[in-house]
Amino acid sequence: MRKNFRSVAREAAFKALFQLEFNDGEETEREFYENLAVETATEESEKLSQKNLLYVSDAVTGTRAHLQEIDEIIKSYLKKNWSLARIATADRNILRLAVYELKFAEDKNPSAVIINEAVELAKKYGTDESGRFVNGILDAISK
């Protein structure tokens, strides 16, 4: 089954955020590294429309702009002994992207779509438990 282009764009945004987790640079270089990560992630994807390329860029810069707020939201739904650092890098960035879309994005998609696609990304890039973990956190956040 062929994915729709928004799914491909969402996956590219996740890849860019994942890459930035390891190669962020100094605060003064933030825009350069964000642009590089977006460019790298979208080059690996199928040909995306201008609208979907804009989505990737907006999702990455928006997630990073709201990172502190997003991380606080995620932390508030973790079990008592869990920290954000304990979450696998892929799962953490999938959660961040989805929380950005649920809470801060101007171009709103239905919560069910955002959660479903985050779960699919978690299954593809995470562990055997990632899909259930991401679903549980996002379902609680979306209510």
C-alpha atoms as a PDB file:
ATOM      1  CA  MET A   1       0.000   0.000   0.000  1.00  0.00           C
ATOM      2  CA  ARG A   2       1.354   3.392  -0.970  1.00  0.00           C
ATOM      3  CA  LYS A   3       1.549   6.024   1.757  1.00  0.00           C
ATOM      4  CA  ASN A   4      -0.041   9.403   1.263  1.00  0.00           C
ATOM      5  CA  PHE A   5       2.315  12.323   0.872  1.00  0.00           C
ATOM      6  CA  ARG A   6       1.470  13.852   4.279  1.00  0.00           C
ATOM      7  CA  SER A   7       2.594  10.572   5.861  1.00  0.00           C
ATOM      8  CA  VAL A   8       5.816  10.751   3.885  1.00  0.00           C
ATOM      9  CA  ALA A   9       6.259  14.378   4.953  1.00  0.00           C
ATOM     10  CA  ARG A  10       5.599  13.471   8.611  1.00  0.00           C
ATOM     11  CA  GLU A  11       8.223  10.721   8.372  1.00  0.00           C
ATOM     12  CA  ALA A  12      10.711  13.221   6.889  1.00  0.00           C
ATOM     13  CA  ALA A  13       9.996  15.644   9.756  1.00  0.00           C
ATOM     14  CA  PHE A  14      10.629  12.844  12.257  1.00  0.00           C
ATOM     15  CA  LYS A  15      13.926  11.969  10.546  1.00  0.00           C
ATOM     16  CA  ALA A  16      15.021  15.602  10.677  1.00  0.00           C
ATOM     17  CA  LEU A  17      14.171  15.866  14.392  1.00  0.00           C
ATOM     18  CA  PHE A  18      15.971  12.583  15.052  1.00  0.00           C
ATOM     19  CA  GLN A  19      19.052  13.856  13.214  1.00  0.00           C
ATOM     20  CA  LEU A  20      18.981  17.123  15.178  1.00  0.00           C
ATOM     21  CA  GLU A  21      19.013  15.167  18.427  1.00  0.00           C
ATOM     22  CA  PHE A  22      22.593  14.153  17.576  1.00  0.00           C
ATOM     23  CA  ASN A  23      23.840  17.120  15.543  1.00  0.00           C
ATOM     24  CA  ASP A  24      22.387  20.341  16.864  1.00  0.00           C
ATOM     25  CA  GLY A  25      25.264  22.801  16.836  1.00  0.00           C
ATOM     26  CA  GLU A  26      25.420  26.006  18.829  1.00  0.00           C
ATOM     27  CA  GLU A  27      22.370  28.230  19.355  1.00  0.00           C
ATOM     28  CA  THR A  28      23.741  30.649  16.730  1.00  0.00           C
ATOM     29  CA  GLU A  29      23.813  27.817  14.178  1.00  0.00           C
ATOM     30  CA  ARG A  30      20.333  26.513  14.972  1.00  0.00           C
ATOM     31  CA  GLU A  31      18.677  27.614  11.733  1.00  0.00           C
ATOM     32  CA  PHE A  32      21.530  26.186   9.643  1.00  0.00           C
ATOM     33  CA  TYR A  33      21.272  22.768  11.309  1.00  0.00           C
ATOM     34  CA  GLU A  34      17.470  22.726  11.104  1.00  0.00           C
ATOM     35  CA  ASN A  35      17.588  23.559   7.384  1.00  0.00           C
ATOM     36  CA  LEU A  36      20.272  20.928   6.784  1.00  0.00           C
ATOM     37  CA  ALA A  37      18.279  18.262   8.647  1.00  0.00           C
ATOM     38  CA  VAL A  38      15.093  19.112   6.740  1.00  0.00           C
ATOM     39  CA  GLU A  39      16.949  19.081   3.418  1.00  0.00           C
ATOM     40  CA  THR A  40      18.586  15.732   4.179  1.00  0.00           C
ATOM     41  CA  ALA A  41      15.342  14.136   5.347  1.00  0.00           C
ATOM     42  CA  THR A  42      13.301  15.370   2.386  1.00  0.00           C
ATOM     43  CA  GLU A  43      15.934  14.260  -0.136  1.00  0.00           C
ATOM     44  CA  GLU A  44      15.470  10.700   1.117  1.00  0.00           C
ATOM     45  CA  SER A  45      11.690  10.908   0.681  1.00  0.00           C
ATOM     46  CA  GLU A  46       9.541  10.541  -2.363  1.00  0.00           C
ATOM     47  CA  LYS A  47       9.035  13.749  -4.310  1.00  0.00           C
ATOM     48  CA  LEU A  48       6.971  16.008  -2.063  1.00  0.00           C
ATOM     49  CA  SER A  49       4.779  18.905  -3.108  1.00  0.00           C
ATOM     50  CA  GLN A  50       5.700  22.426  -2.053  1.00  0.00           C
ATOM     51  CA  LYS A  51       2.906  22.256   0.544  1.00  0.00           C
ATOM     52  CA  ASN A  52       4.344  19.084   2.099  1.00  0.00           C
ATOM     53  CA  LEU A  53       7.900  20.446   2.013  1.00  0.00           C
ATOM     54  CA  LEU A  54       6.578  23.478   3.876  1.00  0.00           C
ATOM     55  CA  TYR A  55       4.880  21.149   6.361  1.00  0.00           C
ATOM     56  CA  VAL A  56       8.212  19.393   7.061  1.00  0.00           C
ATOM     57  CA  SER A  57       9.988  22.690   7.615  1.00  0.00           C
ATOM     58  CA  ASP A  58       7.186  24.099   9.785  1.00  0.00           C
ATOM     59  CA  ALA A  59       6.910  20.898  11.823  1.00  0.00           C
ATOM     60  CA  VAL A  60      10.638  20.799  12.539  1.00  0.00           C
ATOM     61  CA  THR A  61      11.036  24.489  13.383  1.00  0.00           C
ATOM     62  CA  GLY A  62       7.750  24.519  15.320  1.00  0.00           C
ATOM     63  CA  THR A  63       8.644  21.438  17.342  1.00  0.00           C
ATOM     64  CA  ARG A  64      12.034  22.906  18.168  1.00  0.00           C
ATOM     65  CA  ALA A  65      10.566  26.310  19.019  1.00  0.00           C
ATOM     66  CA  HIS A  66       8.137  24.705  21.495  1.00  0.00           C
ATOM     67  CA  LEU A  67      10.526  21.965  22.659  1.00  0.00           C
ATOM     68  CA  GLN A  68      10.540  22.928  26.323  1.00  0.00           C
ATOM     69  CA  GLU A  69       6.734  23.072  26.492  1.00  0.00           C
ATOM     70  CA  ILE A  70       6.387  19.839  24.517  1.00  0.00           C
ATOM     71  CA  ASP A  71       8.854  18.022  26.767  1.00  0.00           C
ATOM     72  CA  GLU A  72       6.971  19.217  29.864  1.00  0.00           C
ATOM     73  CA  ILE A  73       3.703  17.912  28.428  1.00  0.00           C
ATOM     74  CA  ILE A  74       5.272  14.518  27.669  1.00  0.00           C
ATOM     75  CA  LYS A  75       6.927  14.331  31.112  1.00  0.00           C
ATOM     76  CA  SER A  76       3.612  14.970  32.823  1.00  0.00           C
ATOM     77  CA  TYR A  77       2.245  11.750  31.281  1.00  0.00           C
ATOM     78  CA  LEU A  78       5.203   9.497  32.087  1.00  0.00           C
ATOM     79  CA  LYS A  79       5.145   7.042  34.965  1.00  0.00           C
ATOM     80  CA  LYS A  80       6.674   8.251  38.216  1.00  0.00           C
ATOM     81  CA  ASN A  81      10.130   6.679  37.751  1.00  0.00           C
ATOM     82  CA  TRP A  82      10.489   7.605  34.080  1.00  0.00           C
ATOM     83  CA  SER A  83      12.332  10.576  32.644  1.00  0.00           C
ATOM     84  CA  LEU A  84      12.387  11.968  29.139  1.00  0.00           C
ATOM     85  CA  ALA A  85      16.009  10.843  28.756  1.00  0.00           C
ATOM     86  CA  ARG A  86      14.946   7.258  29.451  1.00  0.00           C
ATOM     87  CA  ILE A  87      12.676   7.187  26.393  1.00  0.00           C
ATOM     88  CA  ALA A  88      14.314   5.781  23.257  1.00  0.00           C
ATOM     89  CA  THR A  89      15.499   8.565  20.935  1.00  0.00           C
ATOM     90  CA  ALA A  90      13.144   7.523  18.121  1.00  0.00           C
ATOM     91  CA  ASP A  91      10.132   7.348  20.446  1.00  0.00           C
ATOM     92  CA  ARG A  92      11.008  10.685  22.066  1.00  0.00           C
ATOM     93  CA  ASN A  93      11.145  12.465  18.717  1.00  0.00           C
ATOM     94  CA  ILE A  94       7.994  10.800  17.427  1.00  0.00           C
ATOM     95  CA  LEU A  95       6.216  11.956  20.589  1.00  0.00           C
ATOM     96  CA  ARG A  96       7.614  15.475  20.239  1.00  0.00           C
ATOM     97  CA  LEU A  97       6.429  15.773  16.641  1.00  0.00           C
ATOM     98  CA  ALA A  98       2.971  14.433  17.467  1.00  0.00           C
ATOM     99  CA  VAL A  99       2.567  16.681  20.529  1.00  0.00           C
ATOM    100  CA  TYR A 100       3.590  19.659  18.390  1.00  0.00           C
ATOM    101  CA  GLU A 101       0.897  18.724  15.885  1.00  0.00           C
ATOM    102  CA  LEU A 102      -1.723  18.115  18.573  1.00  0.00           C
ATOM    103  CA  LYS A 103      -1.070  21.250  20.602  1.00  0.00           C
ATOM    104  CA  PHE A 104       0.741  23.905  18.562  1.00  0.00           C
ATOM    105  CA  ALA A 105       0.441  23.385  14.789  1.00  0.00           C
ATOM    106  CA  GLU A 106      -1.708  25.845  12.890  1.00  0.00           C
ATOM    107  CA  ASP A 107      -2.511  23.327  10.138  1.00  0.00           C
ATOM    108  CA  LYS A 108      -4.515  20.922  12.324  1.00  0.00           C
ATOM    109  CA  ASN A 109      -5.097  17.324  11.398  1.00  0.00           C
ATOM    110  CA  PRO A 110      -7.556  15.156  13.320  1.00  0.00           C
ATOM    111  CA  SER A 111      -6.051  13.792  16.559  1.00  0.00           C
ATOM    112  CA  ALA A 112      -6.773  10.214  15.478  1.00  0.00           C
ATOM    113  CA  VAL A 113      -4.727  10.694  12.286  1.00  0.00           C
ATOM    114  CA  ILE A 114      -1.794  12.242  14.153  1.00  0.00           C
ATOM    115  CA  ILE A 115      -1.794   9.458  16.752  1.00  0.00           C
ATOM    116  CA  ASN A 116      -2.189   6.678  14.177  1.00  0.00           C
ATOM    117  CA  GLU A 117       0.693   7.945  12.071  1.00  0.00           C
ATOM    118  CA  ALA A 118       2.888   8.432  15.163  1.00  0.00           C
ATOM    119  CA  VAL A 119       2.178   4.828  16.164  1.00  0.00           C
ATOM    120  CA  GLU A 120       3.081   3.633  12.656  1.00  0.00           C
ATOM    121  CA  LEU A 121       6.382   5.565  12.836  1.00  0.00           C
ATOM    122  CA  ALA A 122       7.061   4.058  16.268  1.00  0.00           C
ATOM    123  CA  LYS A 123       6.457   0.552  14.933  1.00  0.00           C
ATOM    124  CA  LYS A 124       8.785   1.208  12.005  1.00  0.00           C
ATOM    125  CA  TYR A 125      11.631   2.964  13.848  1.00  0.00           C
ATOM    126  CA  GLY A 126      11.229   1.904  17.475  1.00  0.00           C
ATOM    127  CA  THR A 127      11.219  -1.281  19.494  1.00  0.00           C
ATOM    128  CA  ASP A 128       8.523  -3.944  19.721  1.00  0.00           C
ATOM    129  CA  GLU A 129       6.938  -1.946  22.564  1.00  0.00           C
ATOM    130  CA  SER A 130       7.188   1.487  20.916  1.00  0.00           C
ATOM    131  CA  GLY A 131       3.820   1.452  19.159  1.00  0.00           C
ATOM    132  CA  ARG A 132       1.881   0.739  22.359  1.00  0.00           C
ATOM    133  CA  PHE A 133       3.984   3.187  24.375  1.00  0.00           C
ATOM    134  CA  VAL A 134       3.529   6.061  21.893  1.00  0.00           C
ATOM    135  CA  ASN A 135      -0.183   5.284  21.528  1.00  0.00           C
ATOM    136  CA  GLY A 136      -0.733   5.321  25.296  1.00  0.00           C
ATOM    137  CA  ILE A 137       1.060   8.635  25.860  1.00  0.00           C
ATOM    138  CA  LEU A 138      -0.552  10.415  22.896  1.00  0.00           C
ATOM    139  CA  ASP A 139      -4.012   9.070  23.649  1.00  0.00           C
ATOM    140  CA  ALA A 140      -3.763  10.479  27.183  1.00  0.00           C
ATOM    141  CA  ILE A 141      -2.412  13.826  25.931  1.00  0.00           C
ATOM    142  CA  SER A 142      -5.152  14.195  23.305  1.00  0.00           C
ATOM    143  CA  LYS A 143      -7.979  13.916  25.850  1.00  0.00           C
END
